[in-house]
Amino acid sequence: MSKTILITGAGHGFGKGTAFGLARAGHKVIAAAQIWPQVWDLRTEAKEQALELEVIKLDIRDEIDRQHALTYDIDILVNNAGIMESGAMAEIPMERVRESFETNVFGHLELTRDLCAR
């Protein structure tokens, strides 16, 4: 039975590969990318590959983006979005660490909590 699957962080890497693979397998996939250029690129590539793929803009830190994503009838949520910082921890500005936590922890928690509350 086909499922509706929302994948965050689908603009590139694992998220993109997973979105394309699940769409090929016949699932309804909502591929969520953080910024508009990623959205446009995904739409173009999906069309070129004749894949049925819904692509939306979703910055999981943004309340409006999260609420828009929740208008879909989602069966499965794949929390893939993430920010990675490299280098010595002592050299990474604390503001970047906070931004990473906003995306990697709190954004996922809020999206998951809101989805479960529906």
PDB file of N, CA and C in Angstrom:
ATOM      1  N   MET A   1       0.843  -1.184   0.000  1.00  0.00           N
ATOM      2  CA  MET A   1       0.000   0.000   0.000  1.00  0.00           C
ATOM      3  C   MET A   1       0.885   1.243   0.000  1.00  0.00           C
ATOM      4  N   SER A   2       0.593   2.169  -0.862  1.00  0.00           N
ATOM      5  CA  SER A   2       1.378   3.396  -0.985  1.00  0.00           C
ATOM      6  C   SER A   2       1.183   4.293   0.234  1.00  0.00           C
ATOM      7  N   LYS A   3       2.258   4.891   0.677  1.00  0.00           N
ATOM      8  CA  LYS A   3       2.233   5.802   1.824  1.00  0.00           C
ATOM      9  C   LYS A   3       2.611   7.201   1.372  1.00  0.00           C
ATOM     10  N   THR A   4       2.151   8.201   2.119  1.00  0.00           N
ATOM     11  CA  THR A   4       2.574   9.577   1.898  1.00  0.00           C
ATOM     12  C   THR A   4       3.700   9.861   2.873  1.00  0.00           C
ATOM     13  N   ILE A   5       4.853  10.199   2.332  1.00  0.00           N
ATOM     14  CA  ILE A   5       6.068  10.331   3.130  1.00  0.00           C
ATOM     15  C   ILE A   5       6.630  11.737   2.974  1.00  0.00           C
ATOM     16  N   LEU A   6       6.808  12.428   4.098  1.00  0.00           N
ATOM     17  CA  LEU A   6       7.451  13.741   4.108  1.00  0.00           C
ATOM     18  C   LEU A   6       8.907  13.550   4.505  1.00  0.00           C
ATOM     19  N   ILE A   7       9.810  14.033   3.660  1.00  0.00           N
ATOM     20  CA  ILE A   7      11.243  13.926   3.930  1.00  0.00           C
ATOM     21  C   ILE A   7      11.816  15.329   4.041  1.00  0.00           C
ATOM     22  N   THR A   8      12.334  15.667   5.221  1.00  0.00           N
ATOM     23  CA  THR A   8      12.984  16.964   5.395  1.00  0.00           C
ATOM     24  C   THR A   8      14.427  16.859   4.915  1.00  0.00           C
ATOM     25  N   GLY A   9      15.008  17.989   4.576  1.00  0.00           N
ATOM     26  CA  GLY A   9      16.396  17.981   4.120  1.00  0.00           C
ATOM     27  C   GLY A   9      16.589  17.237   2.817  1.00  0.00           C
ATOM     28  N   ALA A  10      15.595  17.328   1.926  1.00  0.00           N
ATOM     29  CA  ALA A  10      15.651  16.578   0.669  1.00  0.00           C
ATOM     30  C   ALA A  10      16.318  17.361  -0.456  1.00  0.00           C
ATOM     31  N   GLY A  11      16.923  18.479  -0.143  1.00  0.00           N
ATOM     32  CA  GLY A  11      17.561  19.298  -1.166  1.00  0.00           C
ATOM     33  C   GLY A  11      18.797  18.674  -1.777  1.00  0.00           C
ATOM     34  N   HIS A  12      19.418  17.758  -1.054  1.00  0.00           N
ATOM     35  CA  HIS A  12      20.627  17.098  -1.557  1.00  0.00           C
ATOM     36  C   HIS A  12      20.934  15.893  -0.666  1.00  0.00           C
ATOM     37  N   GLY A  13      21.933  15.141  -1.030  1.00  0.00           N
ATOM     38  CA  GLY A  13      22.434  14.037  -0.199  1.00  0.00           C
ATOM     39  C   GLY A  13      21.436  12.921   0.042  1.00  0.00           C
ATOM     40  N   PHE A  14      21.470  12.386   1.280  1.00  0.00           N
ATOM     41  CA  PHE A  14      20.618  11.249   1.646  1.00  0.00           C
ATOM     42  C   PHE A  14      19.139  11.560   1.461  1.00  0.00           C
ATOM     43  N   GLY A  15      18.725  12.755   1.836  1.00  0.00           N
ATOM     44  CA  GLY A  15      17.314  13.120   1.717  1.00  0.00           C
ATOM     45  C   GLY A  15      16.831  13.087   0.283  1.00  0.00           C
ATOM     46  N   LYS A  16      17.621  13.638  -0.604  1.00  0.00           N
ATOM     47  CA  LYS A  16      17.269  13.653  -2.026  1.00  0.00           C
ATOM     48  C   LYS A  16      17.231  12.230  -2.579  1.00  0.00           C
ATOM     49  N   GLY A  17      18.255  11.452  -2.283  1.00  0.00           N
ATOM     50  CA  GLY A  17      18.298  10.071  -2.762  1.00  0.00           C
ATOM     51  C   GLY A  17      17.134   9.245  -2.250  1.00  0.00           C
ATOM     52  N   THR A  18      16.791   9.433  -0.988  1.00  0.00           N
ATOM     53  CA  THR A  18      15.666   8.709  -0.392  1.00  0.00           C
ATOM     54  C   THR A  18      14.354   9.129  -1.045  1.00  0.00           C
ATOM     55  N   ALA A  19      14.176  10.433  -1.239  1.00  0.00           N
ATOM     56  CA  ALA A  19      12.949  10.936  -1.870  1.00  0.00           C
ATOM     57  C   ALA A  19      12.774  10.350  -3.269  1.00  0.00           C
ATOM     58  N   PHE A  20      13.829  10.379  -4.062  1.00  0.00           N
ATOM     59  CA  PHE A  20      13.745   9.862  -5.423  1.00  0.00           C
ATOM     60  C   PHE A  20      13.497   8.355  -5.415  1.00  0.00           C
ATOM     61  N   GLY A  21      14.183   7.630  -4.549  1.00  0.00           N
ATOM     62  CA  GLY A  21      14.010   6.180  -4.482  1.00  0.00           C
ATOM     63  C   GLY A  21      12.610   5.772  -4.063  1.00  0.00           C
ATOM     64  N   LEU A  22      12.056   6.451  -3.062  1.00  0.00           N
ATOM     65  CA  LEU A  22      10.700   6.123  -2.611  1.00  0.00           C
ATOM     66  C   LEU A  22       9.654   6.507  -3.653  1.00  0.00           C
ATOM     67  N   ALA A  23       9.889   7.604  -4.364  1.00  0.00           N
ATOM     68  CA  ALA A  23       8.968   7.988  -5.442  1.00  0.00           C
ATOM     69  C   ALA A  23       8.990   6.929  -6.547  1.00  0.00           C
ATOM     70  N   ARG A  24      10.177   6.425  -6.863  1.00  0.00           N
ATOM     71  CA  ARG A  24      10.290   5.365  -7.877  1.00  0.00           C
ATOM     72  C   ARG A  24       9.555   4.096  -7.441  1.00  0.00           C
ATOM     73  N   ALA A  25       9.516   3.872  -6.122  1.00  0.00           N
ATOM     74  CA  ALA A  25       8.846   2.684  -5.582  1.00  0.00           C
ATOM     75  C   ALA A  25       7.328   2.861  -5.502  1.00  0.00           C
ATOM     76  N   GLY A  26       6.834   4.025  -5.918  1.00  0.00           N
ATOM     77  CA  GLY A  26       5.395   4.226  -5.978  1.00  0.00           C
ATOM     78  C   GLY A  26       4.770   4.954  -4.809  1.00  0.00           C
ATOM     79  N   HIS A  27       5.575   5.431  -3.882  1.00  0.00           N
ATOM     80  CA  HIS A  27       5.024   6.173  -2.749  1.00  0.00           C
ATOM     81  C   HIS A  27       4.789   7.627  -3.127  1.00  0.00           C
ATOM     82  N   LYS A  28       3.845   8.248  -2.435  1.00  0.00           N
ATOM     83  CA  LYS A  28       3.647   9.686  -2.604  1.00  0.00           C
ATOM     84  C   LYS A  28       4.670  10.360  -1.693  1.00  0.00           C
ATOM     85  N   VAL A  29       5.609  11.057  -2.294  1.00  0.00           N
ATOM     86  CA  VAL A  29       6.699  11.670  -1.538  1.00  0.00           C
ATOM     87  C   VAL A  29       6.573  13.181  -1.583  1.00  0.00           C
ATOM     88  N   ILE A  30       6.698  13.777  -0.404  1.00  0.00           N
ATOM     89  CA  ILE A  30       6.776  15.223  -0.279  1.00  0.00           C
ATOM     90  C   ILE A  30       8.216  15.512   0.108  1.00  0.00           C
ATOM     91  N   ALA A  31       8.971  16.011  -0.850  1.00  0.00           N
ATOM     92  CA  ALA A  31      10.391  16.306  -0.637  1.00  0.00           C
ATOM     93  C   ALA A  31      10.503  17.753  -0.184  1.00  0.00           C
ATOM     94  N   ALA A  32      11.011  17.952   1.018  1.00  0.00           N
ATOM     95  CA  ALA A  32      11.095  19.295   1.591  1.00  0.00           C
ATOM     96  C   ALA A  32      12.535  19.788   1.569  1.00  0.00           C
ATOM     97  N   ALA A  33      12.715  20.977   1.001  1.00  0.00           N
ATOM     98  CA  ALA A  33      14.037  21.594   0.922  1.00  0.00           C
ATOM     99  C   ALA A  33      14.001  22.947   1.629  1.00  0.00           C
ATOM    100  N   GLN A  34      15.120  23.331   2.205  1.00  0.00           N
ATOM    101  CA  GLN A  34      15.178  24.522   3.049  1.00  0.00           C
ATOM    102  C   GLN A  34      15.042  25.830   2.280  1.00  0.00           C
ATOM    103  N   ILE A  35      15.616  25.899   1.076  1.00  0.00           N
ATOM    104  CA  ILE A  35      15.638  27.168   0.343  1.00  0.00           C
ATOM    105  C   ILE A  35      15.071  26.984  -1.067  1.00  0.00           C
ATOM    106  N   TRP A  36      14.559  28.089  -1.621  1.00  0.00           N
ATOM    107  CA  TRP A  36      13.894  28.027  -2.924  1.00  0.00           C
ATOM    108  C   TRP A  36      14.768  27.478  -4.050  1.00  0.00           C
ATOM    109  N   PRO A  37      16.028  27.851  -4.174  1.00  0.00           N
ATOM    110  CA  PRO A  37      16.823  27.261  -5.265  1.00  0.00           C
ATOM    111  C   PRO A  37      16.868  25.727  -5.217  1.00  0.00           C
ATOM    112  N   GLN A  38      16.903  25.154  -4.014  1.00  0.00           N
ATOM    113  CA  GLN A  38      16.868  23.693  -3.893  1.00  0.00           C
ATOM    114  C   GLN A  38      15.514  23.154  -4.359  1.00  0.00           C
ATOM    115  N   VAL A  39      14.443  23.859  -4.005  1.00  0.00           N
ATOM    116  CA  VAL A  39      13.100  23.448  -4.428  1.00  0.00           C
ATOM    117  C   VAL A  39      13.022  23.414  -5.952  1.00  0.00           C
ATOM    118  N   TRP A  40      13.458  24.489  -6.580  1.00  0.00           N
ATOM    119  CA  TRP A  40      13.399  24.568  -8.045  1.00  0.00           C
ATOM    120  C   TRP A  40      14.247  23.482  -8.700  1.00  0.00           C
ATOM    121  N   ASP A  41      15.456  23.263  -8.167  1.00  0.00           N
ATOM    122  CA  ASP A  41      16.332  22.225  -8.730  1.00  0.00           C
ATOM    123  C   ASP A  41      15.715  20.835  -8.598  1.00  0.00           C
ATOM    124  N   LEU A  42      15.126  20.548  -7.425  1.00  0.00           N
ATOM    125  CA  LEU A  42      14.491  19.238  -7.223  1.00  0.00           C
ATOM    126  C   LEU A  42      13.326  19.040  -8.182  1.00  0.00           C
ATOM    127  N   ARG A  43      12.510  20.068  -8.341  1.00  0.00           N
ATOM    128  CA  ARG A  43      11.368  19.964  -9.257  1.00  0.00           C
ATOM    129  C   ARG A  43      11.837  19.679 -10.680  1.00  0.00           C
ATOM    130  N   THR A  44      12.879  20.382 -11.101  1.00  0.00           N
ATOM    131  CA  THR A  44      13.416  20.188 -12.449  1.00  0.00           C
ATOM    132  C   THR A  44      13.947  18.773 -12.622  1.00  0.00           C
ATOM    133  N   GLU A  45      14.743  18.312 -11.662  1.00  0.00           N
ATOM    134  CA  GLU A  45      15.331  16.975 -11.773  1.00  0.00           C
ATOM    135  C   GLU A  45      14.269  15.885 -11.727  1.00  0.00           C
ATOM    136  N   ALA A  46      13.268  16.044 -10.864  1.00  0.00           N
ATOM    137  CA  ALA A  46      12.188  15.052 -10.795  1.00  0.00           C
ATOM    138  C   ALA A  46      11.436  14.991 -12.124  1.00  0.00           C
ATOM    139  N   LYS A  47      11.179  16.145 -12.702  1.00  0.00           N
ATOM    140  CA  LYS A  47      10.485  16.186 -13.995  1.00  0.00           C
ATOM    141  C   LYS A  47      11.318  15.514 -15.081  1.00  0.00           C
ATOM    142  N   GLU A  48      12.626  15.795 -15.090  1.00  0.00           N
ATOM    143  CA  GLU A  48      13.517  15.178 -16.082  1.00  0.00           C
ATOM    144  C   GLU A  48      13.536  13.662 -15.960  1.00  0.00           C
ATOM    145  N   GLN A  49      13.370  13.159 -14.727  1.00  0.00           N
ATOM    146  CA  GLN A  49      13.382  11.710 -14.496  1.00  0.00           C
ATOM    147  C   GLN A  49      11.977  11.107 -14.515  1.00  0.00           C
ATOM    148  N   ALA A  50      10.988  11.925 -14.875  1.00  0.00           N
ATOM    149  CA  ALA A  50       9.585  11.493 -14.937  1.00  0.00           C
ATOM    150  C   ALA A  50       9.107  10.918 -13.606  1.00  0.00           C
ATOM    151  N   LEU A  51       9.536  11.549 -12.512  1.00  0.00           N
ATOM    152  CA  LEU A  51       9.125  11.124 -11.178  1.00  0.00           C
ATOM    153  C   LEU A  51       7.987  11.999 -10.678  1.00  0.00           C
ATOM    154  N   GLU A  52       7.016  11.363 -10.057  1.00  0.00           N
ATOM    155  CA  GLU A  52       5.945  12.109  -9.420  1.00  0.00           C
ATOM    156  C   GLU A  52       6.414  12.437  -8.006  1.00  0.00           C
ATOM    157  N   LEU A  53       6.751  13.693  -7.803  1.00  0.00           N
ATOM    158  CA  LEU A  53       7.351  14.120  -6.539  1.00  0.00           C
ATOM    159  C   LEU A  53       6.823  15.507  -6.202  1.00  0.00           C
ATOM    160  N   GLU A  54       6.227  15.647  -5.036  1.00  0.00           N
ATOM    161  CA  GLU A  54       5.786  16.955  -4.548  1.00  0.00           C
ATOM    162  C   GLU A  54       6.980  17.585  -3.838  1.00  0.00           C
ATOM    163  N   VAL A  55       7.353  18.779  -4.233  1.00  0.00           N
ATOM    164  CA  VAL A  55       8.508  19.446  -3.624  1.00  0.00           C
ATOM    165  C   VAL A  55       8.035  20.740  -2.983  1.00  0.00           C
ATOM    166  N   ILE A  56       8.351  20.903  -1.696  1.00  0.00           N
ATOM    167  CA  ILE A  56       7.944  22.102  -0.967  1.00  0.00           C
ATOM    168  C   ILE A  56       9.149  22.742  -0.291  1.00  0.00           C
ATOM    169  N   LYS A  57       8.995  24.015   0.032  1.00  0.00           N
ATOM    170  CA  LYS A  57      10.003  24.709   0.830  1.00  0.00           C
ATOM    171  C   LYS A  57       9.666  24.463   2.296  1.00  0.00           C
ATOM    172  N   LEU A  58      10.644  23.990   3.042  1.00  0.00           N
ATOM    173  CA  LEU A  58      10.453  23.756   4.471  1.00  0.00           C
ATOM    174  C   LEU A  58      11.757  23.987   5.207  1.00  0.00           C
ATOM    175  N   ASP A  59      11.816  25.124   5.884  1.00  0.00           N
ATOM    176  CA  ASP A  59      12.881  25.374   6.856  1.00  0.00           C
ATOM    177  C   ASP A  59      12.270  24.949   8.181  1.00  0.00           C
ATOM    178  N   ILE A  60      12.737  23.853   8.752  1.00  0.00           N
ATOM    179  CA  ILE A  60      12.072  23.300   9.933  1.00  0.00           C
ATOM    180  C   ILE A  60      12.143  24.214  11.147  1.00  0.00           C
ATOM    181  N   ARG A  61      12.938  25.270  11.071  1.00  0.00           N
ATOM    182  CA  ARG A  61      12.976  26.253  12.153  1.00  0.00           C
ATOM    183  C   ARG A  61      11.874  27.298  12.003  1.00  0.00           C
ATOM    184  N   ASP A  62      11.216  27.316  10.869  1.00  0.00           N
ATOM    185  CA  ASP A  62      10.229  28.347  10.563  1.00  0.00           C
ATOM    186  C   ASP A  62       8.807  27.838  10.807  1.00  0.00           C
ATOM    187  N   GLU A  63       8.090  28.486  11.700  1.00  0.00           N
ATOM    188  CA  GLU A  63       6.734  28.060  12.078  1.00  0.00           C
ATOM    189  C   GLU A  63       5.785  28.036  10.878  1.00  0.00           C
ATOM    190  N   ILE A  64       5.841  29.038  10.031  1.00  0.00           N
ATOM    191  CA  ILE A  64       4.948  29.088   8.867  1.00  0.00           C
ATOM    192  C   ILE A  64       5.240  27.929   7.916  1.00  0.00           C
ATOM    193  N   ASP A  65       6.510  27.660   7.659  1.00  0.00           N
ATOM    194  CA  ASP A  65       6.875  26.522   6.804  1.00  0.00           C
ATOM    195  C   ASP A  65       6.390  25.208   7.408  1.00  0.00           C
ATOM    196  N   ARG A  66       6.570  25.048   8.720  1.00  0.00           N
ATOM    197  CA  ARG A  66       6.127  23.804   9.373  1.00  0.00           C
ATOM    198  C   ARG A  66       4.615  23.637   9.258  1.00  0.00           C
ATOM    199  N   GLN A  67       3.868  24.707   9.494  1.00  0.00           N
ATOM    200  CA  GLN A  67       2.409  24.615   9.414  1.00  0.00           C
ATOM    201  C   GLN A  67       1.954  24.285   7.992  1.00  0.00           C
ATOM    202  N   HIS A  68       2.623  24.849   6.995  1.00  0.00           N
ATOM    203  CA  HIS A  68       2.284  24.506   5.607  1.00  0.00           C
ATOM    204  C   HIS A  68       2.533  23.021   5.343  1.00  0.00           C
ATOM    205  N   ALA A  69       3.648  22.500   5.813  1.00  0.00           N
ATOM    206  CA  ALA A  69       3.961  21.079   5.609  1.00  0.00           C
ATOM    207  C   ALA A  69       2.896  20.187   6.238  1.00  0.00           C
ATOM    208  N   LEU A  70       2.323  20.630   7.343  1.00  0.00           N
ATOM    209  CA  LEU A  70       1.332  19.825   8.049  1.00  0.00           C
ATOM    210  C   LEU A  70      -0.043  19.854   7.395  1.00  0.00           C
ATOM    211  N   THR A  71      -0.202  20.612   6.312  1.00  0.00           N
ATOM    212  CA  THR A  71      -1.476  20.585   5.582  1.00  0.00           C
ATOM    213  C   THR A  71      -1.604  19.313   4.747  1.00  0.00           C
ATOM    214  N   TYR A  72      -0.507  18.595   4.571  1.00  0.00           N
ATOM    215  CA  TYR A  72      -0.525  17.335   3.832  1.00  0.00           C
ATOM    216  C   TYR A  72      -0.933  16.197   4.763  1.00  0.00           C
ATOM    217  N   ASP A  73      -1.538  15.161   4.193  1.00  0.00           N
ATOM    218  CA  ASP A  73      -1.931  13.977   4.961  1.00  0.00           C
ATOM    219  C   ASP A  73      -0.733  13.023   5.005  1.00  0.00           C
ATOM    220  N   ILE A  74       0.102  13.191   6.011  1.00  0.00           N
ATOM    221  CA  ILE A  74       1.389  12.496   6.103  1.00  0.00           C
ATOM    222  C   ILE A  74       1.244  11.193   6.890  1.00  0.00           C
ATOM    223  N   ASP A  75       1.730  10.101   6.297  1.00  0.00           N
ATOM    224  CA  ASP A  75       1.772   8.813   6.994  1.00  0.00           C
ATOM    225  C   ASP A  75       3.110   8.603   7.695  1.00  0.00           C
ATOM    226  N   ILE A  76       4.185   9.033   7.040  1.00  0.00           N
ATOM    227  CA  ILE A  76       5.539   8.795   7.553  1.00  0.00           C
ATOM    228  C   ILE A  76       6.341  10.084   7.456  1.00  0.00           C
ATOM    229  N   LEU A  77       7.040  10.416   8.541  1.00  0.00           N
ATOM    230  CA  LEU A  77       7.922  11.580   8.571  1.00  0.00           C
ATOM    231  C   LEU A  77       9.362  11.099   8.673  1.00  0.00           C
ATOM    232  N   VAL A  78      10.195  11.559   7.748  1.00  0.00           N
ATOM    233  CA  VAL A  78      11.626  11.264   7.790  1.00  0.00           C
ATOM    234  C   VAL A  78      12.340  12.569   8.118  1.00  0.00           C
ATOM    235  N   ASN A  79      12.810  12.685   9.365  1.00  0.00           N
ATOM    236  CA  ASN A  79      13.524  13.879   9.825  1.00  0.00           C
ATOM    237  C   ASN A  79      14.982  13.773   9.393  1.00  0.00           C
ATOM    238  N   ASN A  80      15.294  14.343   8.254  1.00  0.00           N
ATOM    239  CA  ASN A  80      16.634  14.241   7.694  1.00  0.00           C
ATOM    240  C   ASN A  80      17.394  15.562   7.691  1.00  0.00           C
ATOM    241  N   ALA A  81      16.686  16.676   7.794  1.00  0.00           N
ATOM    242  CA  ALA A  81      17.346  17.990   7.727  1.00  0.00           C
ATOM    243  C   ALA A  81      18.398  18.104   8.826  1.00  0.00           C
ATOM    244  N   GLY A  82      19.489  18.756   8.516  1.00  0.00           N
ATOM    245  CA  GLY A  82      20.523  18.921   9.531  1.00  0.00           C
ATOM    246  C   GLY A  82      21.609  19.881   9.104  1.00  0.00           C
ATOM    247  N   ILE A  83      22.265  20.416  10.104  1.00  0.00           N
ATOM    248  CA  ILE A  83      23.409  21.301   9.908  1.00  0.00           C
ATOM    249  C   ILE A  83      24.604  20.634  10.561  1.00  0.00           C
ATOM    250  N   MET A  84      25.728  20.612   9.858  1.00  0.00           N
ATOM    251  CA  MET A  84      26.943  20.039  10.420  1.00  0.00           C
ATOM    252  C   MET A  84      28.017  21.117  10.491  1.00  0.00           C
ATOM    253  N   GLU A  85      28.614  21.234  11.619  1.00  0.00           N
ATOM    254  CA  GLU A  85      29.748  22.141  11.797  1.00  0.00           C
ATOM    255  C   GLU A  85      31.008  21.291  11.896  1.00  0.00           C
ATOM    256  N   SER A  86      32.072  21.765  11.299  1.00  0.00           N
ATOM    257  CA  SER A  86      33.330  21.029  11.399  1.00  0.00           C
ATOM    258  C   SER A  86      34.386  21.926  12.012  1.00  0.00           C
ATOM    259  N   GLY A  87      35.394  21.289  12.520  1.00  0.00           N
ATOM    260  CA  GLY A  87      36.477  22.033  13.147  1.00  0.00           C
ATOM    261  C   GLY A  87      36.514  21.791  14.643  1.00  0.00           C
ATOM    262  N   ALA A  88      37.480  22.406  15.268  1.00  0.00           N
ATOM    263  CA  ALA A  88      37.633  22.267  16.720  1.00  0.00           C
ATOM    264  C   ALA A  88      36.471  22.966  17.418  1.00  0.00           C
ATOM    265  N   MET A  89      35.855  22.282  18.369  1.00  0.00           N
ATOM    266  CA  MET A  89      34.696  22.828  19.075  1.00  0.00           C
ATOM    267  C   MET A  89      34.992  24.189  19.693  1.00  0.00           C
ATOM    268  N   ALA A  90      36.184  24.364  20.195  1.00  0.00           N
ATOM    269  CA  ALA A  90      36.547  25.629  20.840  1.00  0.00           C
ATOM    270  C   ALA A  90      36.596  26.784  19.843  1.00  0.00           C
ATOM    271  N   GLU A  91      36.684  26.463  18.552  1.00  0.00           N
ATOM    272  CA  GLU A  91      36.786  27.505  17.530  1.00  0.00           C
ATOM    273  C   GLU A  91      35.461  27.815  16.840  1.00  0.00           C
ATOM    274  N   ILE A  92      34.435  27.019  17.105  1.00  0.00           N
ATOM    275  CA  ILE A  92      33.133  27.255  16.485  1.00  0.00           C
ATOM    276  C   ILE A  92      32.390  28.293  17.319  1.00  0.00           C
ATOM    277  N   PRO A  93      31.967  29.392  16.696  1.00  0.00           N
ATOM    278  CA  PRO A  93      31.228  30.413  17.444  1.00  0.00           C
ATOM    279  C   PRO A  93      29.956  29.828  18.065  1.00  0.00           C
ATOM    280  N   MET A  94      29.660  30.225  19.286  1.00  0.00           N
ATOM    281  CA  MET A  94      28.504  29.700  20.002  1.00  0.00           C
ATOM    282  C   MET A  94      27.207  29.935  19.220  1.00  0.00           C
ATOM    283  N   GLU A  95      27.120  31.025  18.486  1.00  0.00           N
ATOM    284  CA  GLU A  95      25.916  31.297  17.694  1.00  0.00           C
ATOM    285  C   GLU A  95      25.684  30.193  16.655  1.00  0.00           C
ATOM    286  N   ARG A  96      26.755  29.682  16.066  1.00  0.00           N
ATOM    287  CA  ARG A  96      26.612  28.578  15.101  1.00  0.00           C
ATOM    288  C   ARG A  96      26.158  27.299  15.791  1.00  0.00           C
ATOM    289  N   VAL A  97      26.662  27.062  16.987  1.00  0.00           N
ATOM    290  CA  VAL A  97      26.239  25.884  17.750  1.00  0.00           C
ATOM    291  C   VAL A  97      24.746  25.988  18.054  1.00  0.00           C
ATOM    292  N   ARG A  98      24.301  27.177  18.471  1.00  0.00           N
ATOM    293  CA  ARG A  98      22.873  27.388  18.759  1.00  0.00           C
ATOM    294  C   ARG A  98      22.022  27.169  17.502  1.00  0.00           C
ATOM    295  N   GLU A  99      22.474  27.681  16.361  1.00  0.00           N
ATOM    296  CA  GLU A  99      21.751  27.485  15.103  1.00  0.00           C
ATOM    297  C   GLU A  99      21.655  25.999  14.762  1.00  0.00           C
ATOM    298  N   SER A 100      22.734  25.269  14.994  1.00  0.00           N
ATOM    299  CA  SER A 100      22.721  23.825  14.737  1.00  0.00           C
ATOM    300  C   SER A 100      21.682  23.131  15.602  1.00  0.00           C
ATOM    301  N   PHE A 101      21.623  23.496  16.882  1.00  0.00           N
ATOM    302  CA  PHE A 101      20.642  22.883  17.779  1.00  0.00           C
ATOM    303  C   PHE A 101      19.217  23.256  17.371  1.00  0.00           C
ATOM    304  N   GLU A 102      19.008  24.478  16.915  1.00  0.00           N
ATOM    305  CA  GLU A 102      17.674  24.888  16.465  1.00  0.00           C
ATOM    306  C   GLU A 102      17.194  23.989  15.334  1.00  0.00           C
ATOM    307  N   THR A 103      18.080  23.650  14.423  1.00  0.00           N
ATOM    308  CA  THR A 103      17.710  22.778  13.307  1.00  0.00           C
ATOM    309  C   THR A 103      17.736  21.313  13.714  1.00  0.00           C
ATOM    310  N   ASN A 104      18.864  20.856  14.224  1.00  0.00           N
ATOM    311  CA  ASN A 104      19.092  19.428  14.448  1.00  0.00           C
ATOM    312  C   ASN A 104      18.283  18.838  15.591  1.00  0.00           C
ATOM    313  N   VAL A 105      17.843  19.669  16.524  1.00  0.00           N
ATOM    314  CA  VAL A 105      17.091  19.164  17.673  1.00  0.00           C
ATOM    315  C   VAL A 105      15.692  19.781  17.718  1.00  0.00           C
ATOM    316  N   PHE A 106      15.622  21.072  17.964  1.00  0.00           N
ATOM    317  CA  PHE A 106      14.332  21.704  18.224  1.00  0.00           C
ATOM    318  C   PHE A 106      13.416  21.738  17.001  1.00  0.00           C
ATOM    319  N   GLY A 107      13.956  21.982  15.824  1.00  0.00           N
ATOM    320  CA  GLY A 107      13.127  21.975  14.618  1.00  0.00           C
ATOM    321  C   GLY A 107      12.469  20.627  14.392  1.00  0.00           C
ATOM    322  N   HIS A 108      13.243  19.552  14.549  1.00  0.00           N
ATOM    323  CA  HIS A 108      12.688  18.203  14.391  1.00  0.00           C
ATOM    324  C   HIS A 108      11.646  17.904  15.465  1.00  0.00           C
ATOM    325  N   LEU A 109      11.936  18.298  16.700  1.00  0.00           N
ATOM    326  CA  LEU A 109      10.980  18.053  17.783  1.00  0.00           C
ATOM    327  C   LEU A 109       9.665  18.776  17.543  1.00  0.00           C
ATOM    328  N   GLU A 110       9.741  20.035  17.123  1.00  0.00           N
ATOM    329  CA  GLU A 110       8.511  20.797  16.884  1.00  0.00           C
ATOM    330  C   GLU A 110       7.700  20.209  15.738  1.00  0.00           C
ATOM    331  N   LEU A 111       8.356  19.852  14.645  1.00  0.00           N
ATOM    332  CA  LEU A 111       7.641  19.269  13.511  1.00  0.00           C
ATOM    333  C   LEU A 111       7.001  17.938  13.906  1.00  0.00           C
ATOM    334  N   THR A 112       7.747  17.097  14.593  1.00  0.00           N
ATOM    335  CA  THR A 112       7.226  15.798  15.018  1.00  0.00           C
ATOM    336  C   THR A 112       6.075  15.968  15.999  1.00  0.00           C
ATOM    337  N   ARG A 113       6.242  16.845  16.973  1.00  0.00           N
ATOM    338  CA  ARG A 113       5.191  17.095  17.967  1.00  0.00           C
ATOM    339  C   ARG A 113       3.919  17.590  17.287  1.00  0.00           C
ATOM    340  N   ASP A 114       4.067  18.537  16.363  1.00  0.00           N
ATOM    341  CA  ASP A 114       2.897  19.083  15.675  1.00  0.00           C
ATOM    342  C   ASP A 114       2.204  18.025  14.821  1.00  0.00           C
ATOM    343  N   LEU A 115       2.985  17.165  14.176  1.00  0.00           N
ATOM    344  CA  LEU A 115       2.401  16.096  13.369  1.00  0.00           C
ATOM    345  C   LEU A 115       1.633  15.111  14.254  1.00  0.00           C
ATOM    346  N   CYS A 116       2.202  14.755  15.385  1.00  0.00           N
ATOM    347  CA  CYS A 116       1.547  13.806  16.297  1.00  0.00           C
ATOM    348  C   CYS A 116       0.278  14.386  16.919  1.00  0.00           C
ATOM    349  N   ALA A 117       0.227  15.698  17.063  1.00  0.00           N
ATOM    350  CA  ALA A 117      -0.922  16.356  17.690  1.00  0.00           C
ATOM    351  C   ALA A 117      -2.142  16.421  16.765  1.00  0.00           C
ATOM    352  N   ARG A 118      -1.933  16.163  15.481  1.00  0.00           N
ATOM    353  CA  ARG A 118      -3.069  16.260  14.543  1.00  0.00           C
ATOM    354  C   ARG A 118      -4.032  15.124  14.716  1.00  0.00           C
TER     355      ARG A 118
END
